[in-house]
N, C-alpha and C. Protein backbone atom coordinates (compact mmCIF):
# COMPACT_ATOMS: atom_id res chain seq x y z
N MET A 1 -55.59 38.96 14.80
CA MET A 1 -54.32 39.54 15.24
C MET A 1 -54.18 40.96 14.66
N VAL A 2 -53.80 41.89 15.50
CA VAL A 2 -53.59 43.26 15.06
C VAL A 2 -52.26 43.35 14.32
N ALA A 3 -52.28 43.98 13.17
CA ALA A 3 -51.04 44.10 12.39
C ALA A 3 -50.04 44.98 13.12
N ASP A 4 -48.78 44.67 12.91
CA ASP A 4 -47.71 45.50 13.46
C ASP A 4 -47.81 46.91 12.88
N HIS A 5 -47.51 47.89 13.68
CA HIS A 5 -47.33 49.25 13.15
C HIS A 5 -46.19 49.87 13.93
N TYR A 6 -45.79 51.07 13.54
CA TYR A 6 -44.59 51.64 14.13
C TYR A 6 -44.75 51.98 15.60
N TYR A 7 -45.99 52.14 16.09
CA TYR A 7 -46.19 52.43 17.51
C TYR A 7 -46.35 51.08 18.24
N THR A 8 -45.29 50.29 18.22
CA THR A 8 -45.24 48.97 18.83
C THR A 8 -43.92 48.85 19.57
N LYS A 9 -43.95 48.34 20.78
CA LYS A 9 -42.71 48.23 21.54
C LYS A 9 -41.73 47.26 20.90
N HIS A 10 -42.26 46.13 20.45
CA HIS A 10 -41.40 45.08 19.91
C HIS A 10 -41.91 44.64 18.54
N PRO A 11 -41.51 45.33 17.47
CA PRO A 11 -42.00 44.94 16.13
C PRO A 11 -41.67 43.49 15.81
N ARG A 12 -42.65 42.80 15.27
CA ARG A 12 -42.44 41.39 14.91
C ARG A 12 -42.10 41.21 13.43
N VAL A 13 -42.34 42.25 12.65
CA VAL A 13 -42.05 42.16 11.23
C VAL A 13 -40.54 41.95 11.03
N LYS A 14 -40.20 41.15 10.06
CA LYS A 14 -38.79 40.81 9.83
C LYS A 14 -37.97 42.05 9.49
N SER A 15 -36.81 42.14 10.09
CA SER A 15 -35.91 43.25 9.83
C SER A 15 -35.43 43.24 8.39
N ALA A 16 -35.36 44.43 7.78
CA ALA A 16 -34.86 44.57 6.41
C ALA A 16 -34.26 45.98 6.30
N GLU A 17 -33.10 46.15 6.88
CA GLU A 17 -32.47 47.47 6.92
C GLU A 17 -32.16 48.03 5.55
N GLU A 18 -32.35 49.34 5.44
CA GLU A 18 -31.95 50.07 4.24
C GLU A 18 -31.21 51.32 4.69
N MET A 19 -30.52 51.97 3.77
CA MET A 19 -29.81 53.20 4.09
C MET A 19 -30.28 54.30 3.16
N ILE A 20 -30.54 55.46 3.75
CA ILE A 20 -30.96 56.62 2.96
C ILE A 20 -30.05 57.80 3.28
N SER A 21 -30.04 58.77 2.40
CA SER A 21 -29.28 59.99 2.63
C SER A 21 -30.24 61.17 2.55
N VAL A 22 -30.17 62.07 3.53
CA VAL A 22 -31.05 63.22 3.55
C VAL A 22 -30.25 64.50 3.81
N ASN A 23 -30.74 65.60 3.25
CA ASN A 23 -30.13 66.90 3.51
C ASN A 23 -31.19 67.79 4.16
N LEU A 24 -30.94 68.14 5.42
CA LEU A 24 -31.88 68.96 6.19
C LEU A 24 -31.09 70.02 6.94
N ARG A 25 -31.59 71.25 6.96
CA ARG A 25 -30.92 72.36 7.62
C ARG A 25 -29.44 72.45 7.19
N SER A 26 -29.23 72.22 5.90
CA SER A 26 -27.90 72.30 5.28
C SER A 26 -26.93 71.25 5.83
N LYS A 27 -27.46 70.19 6.43
CA LYS A 27 -26.65 69.09 6.92
C LYS A 27 -27.07 67.82 6.21
N THR A 28 -26.09 67.03 5.79
CA THR A 28 -26.39 65.75 5.16
C THR A 28 -26.19 64.63 6.17
N LEU A 29 -27.20 63.79 6.30
CA LEU A 29 -27.13 62.65 7.19
C LEU A 29 -27.37 61.38 6.39
N THR A 30 -26.63 60.35 6.75
CA THR A 30 -26.85 59.01 6.21
C THR A 30 -27.54 58.21 7.29
N LEU A 31 -28.73 57.71 7.00
CA LEU A 31 -29.56 57.10 8.02
C LEU A 31 -29.95 55.66 7.66
N TYR A 32 -29.87 54.78 8.64
CA TYR A 32 -30.41 53.43 8.50
C TYR A 32 -31.89 53.46 8.83
N THR A 33 -32.68 52.80 8.03
CA THR A 33 -34.10 52.61 8.31
C THR A 33 -34.39 51.11 8.32
N ASP A 34 -35.60 50.75 8.68
CA ASP A 34 -35.92 49.31 8.76
C ASP A 34 -37.43 49.11 8.74
N SER A 35 -37.82 47.89 8.47
CA SER A 35 -39.25 47.54 8.56
C SER A 35 -39.70 47.69 10.01
N GLY A 36 -40.96 48.03 10.17
CA GLY A 36 -41.51 48.15 11.52
C GLY A 36 -41.27 49.49 12.17
N VAL A 37 -40.68 50.45 11.42
CA VAL A 37 -40.52 51.80 11.94
C VAL A 37 -41.19 52.77 10.98
N PHE A 38 -41.45 53.96 11.49
CA PHE A 38 -42.18 54.97 10.70
C PHE A 38 -41.38 55.45 9.50
N SER A 39 -42.04 55.49 8.35
CA SER A 39 -41.48 56.07 7.13
C SER A 39 -40.15 55.42 6.72
N LYS A 40 -40.21 54.11 6.57
CA LYS A 40 -39.00 53.35 6.26
C LYS A 40 -38.31 53.77 4.96
N LYS A 41 -39.10 54.09 3.94
CA LYS A 41 -38.53 54.32 2.61
C LYS A 41 -37.86 55.68 2.45
N GLY A 42 -38.08 56.57 3.38
CA GLY A 42 -37.48 57.90 3.29
C GLY A 42 -38.15 58.83 4.27
N VAL A 43 -37.49 59.93 4.56
CA VAL A 43 -38.03 60.89 5.53
C VAL A 43 -39.36 61.45 5.00
N ASP A 44 -40.38 61.38 5.81
CA ASP A 44 -41.70 61.84 5.39
C ASP A 44 -41.75 63.35 5.31
N TYR A 45 -42.69 63.86 4.53
CA TYR A 45 -42.78 65.30 4.28
C TYR A 45 -43.03 66.10 5.55
N GLY A 46 -43.86 65.55 6.44
CA GLY A 46 -44.15 66.26 7.69
C GLY A 46 -42.93 66.49 8.54
N SER A 47 -42.08 65.47 8.65
CA SER A 47 -40.84 65.60 9.43
C SER A 47 -39.90 66.62 8.79
N LYS A 48 -39.83 66.58 7.48
CA LYS A 48 -38.97 67.56 6.78
C LYS A 48 -39.47 68.98 7.03
N LEU A 49 -40.77 69.17 6.93
CA LEU A 49 -41.35 70.50 7.12
C LEU A 49 -41.09 70.99 8.55
N LEU A 50 -41.26 70.10 9.52
CA LEU A 50 -41.05 70.47 10.91
C LEU A 50 -39.61 70.84 11.17
N VAL A 51 -38.68 69.99 10.77
CA VAL A 51 -37.27 70.23 11.10
C VAL A 51 -36.74 71.48 10.42
N GLU A 52 -37.27 71.82 9.26
CA GLU A 52 -36.79 73.01 8.56
C GLU A 52 -37.34 74.31 9.17
N HIS A 53 -38.40 74.22 9.97
CA HIS A 53 -39.01 75.44 10.52
C HIS A 53 -38.73 75.64 12.01
N ILE A 54 -38.21 74.64 12.67
CA ILE A 54 -37.91 74.76 14.09
C ILE A 54 -36.89 75.87 14.33
N GLU A 55 -37.13 76.68 15.33
CA GLU A 55 -36.20 77.75 15.73
C GLU A 55 -35.62 77.37 17.09
N ALA A 56 -34.40 76.83 17.07
CA ALA A 56 -33.77 76.33 18.30
C ALA A 56 -32.50 77.09 18.59
N GLY A 57 -32.29 77.42 19.86
CA GLY A 57 -31.08 78.11 20.27
C GLY A 57 -29.85 77.23 20.18
N ALA A 58 -28.69 77.86 20.15
CA ALA A 58 -27.43 77.13 20.00
C ALA A 58 -27.16 76.20 21.17
N ASP A 59 -27.66 76.55 22.36
CA ASP A 59 -27.42 75.73 23.56
C ASP A 59 -28.70 75.06 24.04
N ALA A 60 -29.67 74.91 23.16
CA ALA A 60 -30.97 74.39 23.56
C ALA A 60 -30.88 72.94 24.05
N LYS A 61 -31.70 72.66 25.06
CA LYS A 61 -31.89 71.29 25.56
C LYS A 61 -33.20 70.81 24.95
N ILE A 62 -33.12 69.79 24.11
CA ILE A 62 -34.23 69.40 23.25
C ILE A 62 -34.62 67.94 23.49
N LEU A 63 -35.93 67.68 23.49
CA LEU A 63 -36.45 66.32 23.55
C LEU A 63 -37.22 66.02 22.28
N ASP A 64 -36.79 64.99 21.57
CA ASP A 64 -37.51 64.51 20.37
C ASP A 64 -38.28 63.28 20.79
N ILE A 65 -39.60 63.42 20.89
CA ILE A 65 -40.43 62.32 21.39
C ILE A 65 -41.15 61.63 20.24
N GLY A 66 -40.99 60.31 20.17
CA GLY A 66 -41.44 59.57 19.00
C GLY A 66 -40.45 59.77 17.87
N CYS A 67 -39.19 59.55 18.17
CA CYS A 67 -38.09 59.96 17.28
C CYS A 67 -37.94 59.11 16.03
N GLY A 68 -38.57 57.92 15.99
CA GLY A 68 -38.35 57.06 14.84
C GLY A 68 -36.88 56.72 14.72
N TYR A 69 -36.34 56.75 13.51
CA TYR A 69 -34.92 56.44 13.36
C TYR A 69 -34.02 57.67 13.53
N GLY A 70 -34.61 58.77 14.03
CA GLY A 70 -33.79 59.86 14.51
C GLY A 70 -33.70 61.11 13.68
N THR A 71 -34.48 61.19 12.62
CA THR A 71 -34.33 62.28 11.66
C THR A 71 -34.29 63.67 12.31
N ILE A 72 -35.31 64.00 13.09
CA ILE A 72 -35.43 65.35 13.61
C ILE A 72 -34.38 65.63 14.68
N GLY A 73 -34.33 64.79 15.69
CA GLY A 73 -33.40 65.00 16.79
C GLY A 73 -31.94 65.00 16.36
N LEU A 74 -31.57 64.07 15.49
CA LEU A 74 -30.18 63.99 15.06
C LEU A 74 -29.80 65.17 14.17
N THR A 75 -30.73 65.65 13.37
CA THR A 75 -30.46 66.83 12.55
C THR A 75 -30.18 68.05 13.43
N LEU A 76 -31.00 68.24 14.44
CA LEU A 76 -30.81 69.38 15.36
C LEU A 76 -29.52 69.24 16.16
N ALA A 77 -29.16 68.02 16.51
CA ALA A 77 -27.92 67.79 17.25
C ALA A 77 -26.70 68.01 16.38
N LYS A 78 -26.77 67.57 15.14
CA LYS A 78 -25.63 67.71 14.23
C LYS A 78 -25.40 69.17 13.86
N GLU A 79 -26.49 69.93 13.77
CA GLU A 79 -26.37 71.34 13.40
C GLU A 79 -25.58 72.13 14.43
N MET A 80 -25.76 71.82 15.70
CA MET A 80 -25.07 72.54 16.78
C MET A 80 -24.63 71.53 17.84
N SER A 81 -23.33 71.32 17.94
CA SER A 81 -22.83 70.34 18.91
C SER A 81 -23.01 70.82 20.35
N SER A 82 -23.31 72.10 20.54
CA SER A 82 -23.54 72.66 21.88
C SER A 82 -24.94 72.32 22.39
N ARG A 83 -25.82 71.84 21.53
CA ARG A 83 -27.16 71.43 21.97
C ARG A 83 -27.09 70.08 22.66
N LYS A 84 -28.01 69.87 23.58
CA LYS A 84 -28.16 68.57 24.22
C LYS A 84 -29.52 68.02 23.79
N VAL A 85 -29.48 66.92 23.05
CA VAL A 85 -30.70 66.41 22.45
C VAL A 85 -30.99 64.99 22.94
N THR A 86 -32.19 64.80 23.45
CA THR A 86 -32.63 63.48 23.90
C THR A 86 -33.66 62.95 22.89
N LEU A 87 -33.49 61.71 22.48
CA LEU A 87 -34.41 61.07 21.53
C LEU A 87 -35.03 59.86 22.19
N VAL A 88 -36.36 59.77 22.15
CA VAL A 88 -37.05 58.62 22.72
C VAL A 88 -38.12 58.12 21.78
N ASP A 89 -38.39 56.81 21.88
CA ASP A 89 -39.45 56.19 21.08
C ASP A 89 -39.90 54.94 21.82
N VAL A 90 -41.17 54.60 21.69
CA VAL A 90 -41.68 53.37 22.29
C VAL A 90 -41.15 52.13 21.56
N ASN A 91 -40.78 52.30 20.31
CA ASN A 91 -40.39 51.21 19.42
C ASN A 91 -38.90 50.89 19.61
N GLU A 92 -38.60 49.69 20.13
CA GLU A 92 -37.20 49.34 20.42
C GLU A 92 -36.34 49.33 19.16
N ARG A 93 -36.92 48.98 18.03
CA ARG A 93 -36.15 48.95 16.79
C ARG A 93 -35.80 50.37 16.34
N ALA A 94 -36.72 51.30 16.54
CA ALA A 94 -36.45 52.71 16.23
C ALA A 94 -35.34 53.24 17.11
N VAL A 95 -35.34 52.88 18.37
CA VAL A 95 -34.30 53.34 19.30
C VAL A 95 -32.93 52.82 18.88
N LEU A 96 -32.86 51.55 18.52
CA LEU A 96 -31.59 50.98 18.08
C LEU A 96 -31.09 51.65 16.81
N LEU A 97 -32.02 51.95 15.89
CA LEU A 97 -31.65 52.64 14.66
C LEU A 97 -31.14 54.06 14.95
N SER A 98 -31.81 54.74 15.86
CA SER A 98 -31.37 56.10 16.20
C SER A 98 -29.96 56.09 16.78
N LYS A 99 -29.68 55.11 17.63
CA LYS A 99 -28.33 55.00 18.20
C LYS A 99 -27.31 54.70 17.09
N LYS A 100 -27.67 53.81 16.21
CA LYS A 100 -26.79 53.46 15.09
C LYS A 100 -26.56 54.66 14.18
N ASN A 101 -27.62 55.45 13.97
CA ASN A 101 -27.53 56.63 13.10
C ASN A 101 -26.72 57.74 13.76
N ALA A 102 -26.79 57.86 15.08
CA ALA A 102 -25.95 58.84 15.78
C ALA A 102 -24.48 58.49 15.58
N ASP A 103 -24.15 57.21 15.72
CA ASP A 103 -22.77 56.76 15.51
C ASP A 103 -22.35 56.95 14.06
N GLN A 104 -23.23 56.60 13.14
CA GLN A 104 -22.95 56.68 11.71
C GLN A 104 -22.60 58.10 11.30
N ASN A 105 -23.25 59.09 11.95
CA ASN A 105 -23.05 60.49 11.57
C ASN A 105 -22.18 61.27 12.56
N ASN A 106 -21.49 60.53 13.44
CA ASN A 106 -20.57 61.12 14.41
C ASN A 106 -21.23 62.20 15.26
N ILE A 107 -22.41 61.87 15.77
CA ILE A 107 -23.17 62.79 16.63
C ILE A 107 -23.09 62.29 18.06
N ALA A 108 -22.42 63.05 18.91
CA ALA A 108 -22.19 62.60 20.29
C ALA A 108 -23.05 63.31 21.33
N ASN A 109 -23.63 64.45 20.98
CA ASN A 109 -24.37 65.26 21.94
C ASN A 109 -25.83 64.83 22.04
N VAL A 110 -26.05 63.51 22.16
CA VAL A 110 -27.39 62.96 22.22
C VAL A 110 -27.50 61.89 23.31
N SER A 111 -28.71 61.73 23.79
CA SER A 111 -29.08 60.63 24.68
C SER A 111 -30.28 59.95 24.06
N ILE A 112 -30.22 58.64 23.89
CA ILE A 112 -31.27 57.92 23.16
C ILE A 112 -31.71 56.72 23.97
N PHE A 113 -33.02 56.61 24.23
CA PHE A 113 -33.51 55.47 25.00
C PHE A 113 -34.98 55.22 24.70
N GLN A 114 -35.45 54.02 25.10
CA GLN A 114 -36.84 53.63 24.85
C GLN A 114 -37.74 54.22 25.92
N SER A 115 -38.87 54.78 25.49
CA SER A 115 -39.84 55.35 26.43
C SER A 115 -41.19 55.40 25.77
N ASP A 116 -42.22 54.98 26.48
CA ASP A 116 -43.60 55.11 26.01
C ASP A 116 -44.05 56.51 26.40
N LEU A 117 -44.09 57.40 25.40
CA LEU A 117 -44.26 58.82 25.64
C LEU A 117 -43.22 59.28 26.67
N PHE A 118 -43.65 59.88 27.78
CA PHE A 118 -42.69 60.46 28.73
C PHE A 118 -42.35 59.53 29.88
N HIS A 119 -42.80 58.29 29.81
CA HIS A 119 -42.72 57.37 30.94
C HIS A 119 -41.31 57.24 31.53
N SER A 120 -40.31 57.17 30.68
CA SER A 120 -38.93 56.96 31.16
C SER A 120 -38.10 58.24 31.10
N VAL A 121 -38.73 59.36 30.82
CA VAL A 121 -38.02 60.65 30.75
C VAL A 121 -37.94 61.25 32.15
N GLN A 122 -36.72 61.53 32.62
CA GLN A 122 -36.53 62.03 33.97
C GLN A 122 -36.51 63.56 34.02
N ASP A 123 -35.81 64.18 33.08
CA ASP A 123 -35.67 65.64 33.13
C ASP A 123 -36.98 66.34 32.82
N ARG A 124 -37.17 67.51 33.45
CA ARG A 124 -38.38 68.28 33.24
C ARG A 124 -38.06 69.75 32.99
N ASP A 125 -36.94 69.95 32.30
CA ASP A 125 -36.50 71.34 32.06
C ASP A 125 -36.04 71.54 30.62
N TYR A 126 -36.75 70.90 29.69
CA TYR A 126 -36.36 71.04 28.29
C TYR A 126 -36.75 72.40 27.74
N ASP A 127 -35.85 72.96 26.94
CA ASP A 127 -36.16 74.21 26.26
C ASP A 127 -37.15 73.98 25.13
N MET A 128 -37.13 72.76 24.61
CA MET A 128 -37.96 72.46 23.45
C MET A 128 -38.29 70.98 23.40
N ILE A 129 -39.54 70.69 23.12
CA ILE A 129 -39.97 69.33 22.79
C ILE A 129 -40.43 69.36 21.33
N VAL A 130 -39.93 68.45 20.55
CA VAL A 130 -40.30 68.36 19.13
C VAL A 130 -40.91 67.00 18.86
N SER A 131 -41.89 66.95 17.98
CA SER A 131 -42.51 65.66 17.68
C SER A 131 -43.29 65.67 16.38
N ASN A 132 -43.13 64.59 15.64
CA ASN A 132 -44.07 64.21 14.60
C ASN A 132 -44.87 63.10 15.26
N PRO A 133 -45.99 63.43 15.92
CA PRO A 133 -46.63 62.47 16.84
C PRO A 133 -47.17 61.24 16.14
N PRO A 134 -47.27 60.15 16.91
CA PRO A 134 -47.70 58.86 16.35
C PRO A 134 -49.20 58.82 16.11
N ILE A 135 -49.62 59.34 14.96
CA ILE A 135 -51.04 59.46 14.66
C ILE A 135 -51.74 58.10 14.71
N ARG A 136 -51.08 57.07 14.26
CA ARG A 136 -51.72 55.75 14.23
C ARG A 136 -52.02 55.20 15.62
N ALA A 137 -51.36 55.76 16.62
CA ALA A 137 -51.61 55.31 18.00
C ALA A 137 -52.95 55.83 18.52
N GLY A 138 -53.52 56.81 17.81
CA GLY A 138 -54.83 57.30 18.17
C GLY A 138 -54.81 58.66 18.85
N LYS A 139 -55.98 59.29 18.83
CA LYS A 139 -56.12 60.64 19.37
C LYS A 139 -55.75 60.71 20.84
N ARG A 140 -56.10 59.70 21.62
CA ARG A 140 -55.81 59.70 23.05
C ARG A 140 -54.32 59.81 23.32
N VAL A 141 -53.52 59.07 22.57
CA VAL A 141 -52.07 59.10 22.74
C VAL A 141 -51.50 60.43 22.30
N VAL A 142 -51.96 60.93 21.16
CA VAL A 142 -51.46 62.21 20.66
C VAL A 142 -51.77 63.34 21.65
N HIS A 143 -52.98 63.36 22.16
CA HIS A 143 -53.36 64.41 23.10
C HIS A 143 -52.64 64.26 24.44
N ALA A 144 -52.33 63.01 24.83
CA ALA A 144 -51.53 62.80 26.04
C ALA A 144 -50.14 63.39 25.86
N LEU A 145 -49.58 63.25 24.69
CA LEU A 145 -48.27 63.84 24.38
C LEU A 145 -48.32 65.35 24.54
N LEU A 146 -49.37 65.97 24.01
CA LEU A 146 -49.50 67.42 24.08
C LEU A 146 -49.68 67.89 25.52
N GLU A 147 -50.48 67.16 26.27
CA GLU A 147 -50.77 67.53 27.66
C GLU A 147 -49.56 67.32 28.57
N GLU A 148 -48.98 66.13 28.49
CA GLU A 148 -47.88 65.79 29.40
C GLU A 148 -46.61 66.59 29.07
N GLY A 149 -46.47 66.96 27.81
CA GLY A 149 -45.29 67.71 27.41
C GLY A 149 -45.12 68.99 28.20
N TYR A 150 -46.22 69.60 28.58
CA TYR A 150 -46.18 70.86 29.35
C TYR A 150 -45.32 70.72 30.60
N ASP A 151 -45.43 69.59 31.29
CA ASP A 151 -44.71 69.39 32.55
C ASP A 151 -43.24 69.06 32.36
N TYR A 152 -42.82 68.83 31.14
CA TYR A 152 -41.42 68.49 30.88
C TYR A 152 -40.66 69.66 30.25
N LEU A 153 -41.31 70.80 30.15
CA LEU A 153 -40.67 71.98 29.59
C LEU A 153 -40.21 72.92 30.70
N SER A 154 -39.15 73.67 30.43
CA SER A 154 -38.74 74.74 31.31
C SER A 154 -39.83 75.82 31.29
N PRO A 155 -39.80 76.77 32.23
CA PRO A 155 -40.86 77.80 32.26
C PRO A 155 -41.02 78.57 30.95
N THR A 156 -39.94 78.67 30.17
CA THR A 156 -40.01 79.37 28.88
C THR A 156 -39.93 78.40 27.69
N GLY A 157 -40.18 77.12 27.98
CA GLY A 157 -40.02 76.10 26.94
C GLY A 157 -41.11 76.13 25.88
N GLU A 158 -40.84 75.43 24.78
CA GLU A 158 -41.76 75.40 23.64
C GLU A 158 -41.96 73.97 23.15
N LEU A 159 -43.15 73.67 22.70
CA LEU A 159 -43.47 72.41 22.05
C LEU A 159 -43.71 72.67 20.56
N TRP A 160 -43.03 71.92 19.71
CA TRP A 160 -43.21 72.05 18.26
C TRP A 160 -43.70 70.70 17.72
N ILE A 161 -44.82 70.73 16.98
CA ILE A 161 -45.32 69.49 16.39
C ILE A 161 -45.75 69.74 14.95
N VAL A 162 -45.83 68.63 14.22
CA VAL A 162 -46.40 68.65 12.87
C VAL A 162 -47.57 67.67 12.86
N ILE A 163 -48.65 68.08 12.22
CA ILE A 163 -49.82 67.20 12.14
C ILE A 163 -50.61 67.56 10.88
N GLN A 164 -51.16 66.52 10.26
CA GLN A 164 -51.93 66.76 9.04
C GLN A 164 -53.35 67.22 9.39
N LYS A 165 -53.86 68.07 8.53
CA LYS A 165 -55.23 68.57 8.72
C LYS A 165 -56.22 67.41 8.79
N LYS A 166 -56.07 66.43 7.92
CA LYS A 166 -57.02 65.32 7.86
C LYS A 166 -56.82 64.32 8.99
N GLN A 167 -55.73 64.48 9.75
CA GLN A 167 -55.45 63.53 10.83
C GLN A 167 -55.56 64.18 12.21
N GLY A 168 -56.35 65.25 12.30
CA GLY A 168 -56.65 65.80 13.61
C GLY A 168 -55.97 67.10 13.97
N ALA A 169 -55.54 67.87 12.97
CA ALA A 169 -54.86 69.14 13.26
C ALA A 169 -55.76 70.08 14.06
N ALA A 170 -57.03 70.16 13.71
CA ALA A 170 -57.93 71.10 14.38
C ALA A 170 -58.10 70.76 15.85
N SER A 171 -58.29 69.48 16.17
CA SER A 171 -58.47 69.09 17.57
C SER A 171 -57.17 69.23 18.35
N ALA A 172 -56.04 68.98 17.67
CA ALA A 172 -54.73 69.17 18.32
C ALA A 172 -54.50 70.63 18.65
N LEU A 173 -54.86 71.51 17.74
CA LEU A 173 -54.71 72.94 17.96
C LEU A 173 -55.58 73.37 19.14
N LYS A 174 -56.78 72.90 19.19
CA LYS A 174 -57.69 73.24 20.29
C LYS A 174 -57.11 72.78 21.62
N LYS A 175 -56.56 71.57 21.64
CA LYS A 175 -55.98 71.02 22.87
C LYS A 175 -54.77 71.86 23.30
N LEU A 176 -53.94 72.24 22.36
CA LEU A 176 -52.78 73.08 22.67
C LEU A 176 -53.21 74.42 23.27
N GLU A 177 -54.22 74.99 22.69
CA GLU A 177 -54.69 76.31 23.14
C GLU A 177 -55.30 76.24 24.55
N GLU A 178 -55.75 75.06 24.95
CA GLU A 178 -56.29 74.88 26.31
C GLU A 178 -55.17 74.82 27.35
N ILE A 179 -53.97 74.43 26.91
CA ILE A 179 -52.87 74.13 27.84
C ILE A 179 -51.80 75.21 27.87
N TYR A 180 -51.39 75.68 26.71
CA TYR A 180 -50.22 76.55 26.60
C TYR A 180 -50.61 78.02 26.53
N SER A 181 -49.69 78.89 26.93
CA SER A 181 -49.99 80.32 27.00
C SER A 181 -50.08 80.96 25.63
N GLN A 182 -49.24 80.49 24.70
CA GLN A 182 -49.25 81.03 23.33
C GLN A 182 -49.13 79.87 22.34
N VAL A 183 -49.98 79.88 21.34
CA VAL A 183 -49.93 78.85 20.30
C VAL A 183 -50.03 79.54 18.94
N GLN A 184 -49.16 79.17 18.03
CA GLN A 184 -49.28 79.72 16.68
C GLN A 184 -49.03 78.66 15.62
N GLU A 185 -49.68 78.84 14.51
CA GLU A 185 -49.43 78.01 13.34
C GLU A 185 -48.26 78.65 12.61
N VAL A 186 -47.13 77.98 12.61
CA VAL A 186 -45.91 78.53 12.02
C VAL A 186 -45.99 78.51 10.50
N THR A 187 -46.47 77.40 9.97
CA THR A 187 -46.64 77.29 8.52
C THR A 187 -47.60 76.14 8.22
N LYS A 188 -48.09 76.11 6.99
CA LYS A 188 -48.90 74.99 6.52
C LYS A 188 -48.53 74.73 5.07
N ASN A 189 -48.49 73.46 4.72
CA ASN A 189 -48.11 73.08 3.37
C ASN A 189 -48.56 71.66 3.10
N LYS A 190 -49.19 71.47 1.95
CA LYS A 190 -49.61 70.13 1.52
C LYS A 190 -50.46 69.42 2.57
N GLY A 191 -51.28 70.19 3.30
CA GLY A 191 -52.15 69.59 4.30
C GLY A 191 -51.51 69.44 5.67
N TYR A 192 -50.23 69.73 5.79
CA TYR A 192 -49.53 69.64 7.08
C TYR A 192 -49.55 70.98 7.78
N ARG A 193 -49.63 70.92 9.10
CA ARG A 193 -49.60 72.13 9.94
C ARG A 193 -48.43 72.00 10.91
N ILE A 194 -47.67 73.08 11.08
CA ILE A 194 -46.63 73.15 12.10
C ILE A 194 -47.12 74.08 13.19
N TYR A 195 -47.21 73.55 14.42
CA TYR A 195 -47.65 74.35 15.55
C TYR A 195 -46.51 74.55 16.55
N GLN A 196 -46.40 75.77 17.04
CA GLN A 196 -45.46 76.12 18.10
C GLN A 196 -46.28 76.54 19.30
N ALA A 197 -46.09 75.85 20.43
CA ALA A 197 -46.82 76.16 21.65
C ALA A 197 -45.84 76.55 22.75
N LYS A 198 -46.01 77.75 23.29
CA LYS A 198 -45.10 78.27 24.32
C LYS A 198 -45.73 78.06 25.70
N LYS A 199 -44.91 77.59 26.62
CA LYS A 199 -45.40 77.35 27.98
C LYS A 199 -45.61 78.65 28.74
N GLY A 200 -44.62 79.55 28.65
CA GLY A 200 -44.71 80.79 29.40
C GLY A 200 -44.61 82.02 28.50
């Protein structure tokens, strides 16, 4: 039997909710986490690095793909209520937590639903797609996210991701450079790389 991991539609591991408090982009959020979702014990360093470096407009339409319990998408939504932020994850438990965390932090400018990558995403005019991609799901899934994301961005849209050097940063960068018109490494720290890929 394959062990449960966070890239699972229906986690079988017993629920054990916890609550954490995080301060990101000068906003404090209280978040519920649980077994069977990514980084249960606290926001991982890669997500923190990504969310602190993202450059998003005040009215940006944003898609957080592989949202987990909502750290990145909810932070961006709370920072500017004029933004429209969609959060999706394949993991039903993560989706329920994200909805609970939106309510917990009085964040209304969000849409949250279950989707295996872009499968259930209807809109194709996002200003920005952000992701701490599901590395454990494998290179094929991560590269599909990078490739398919292009078609869900507006003509001037951007994809922002974080990925560790030891977990495929070089191949991800190469894939981005094959697809997007401009790609840059925004920052690197502790083995993590933040990439910004512009469609147009």
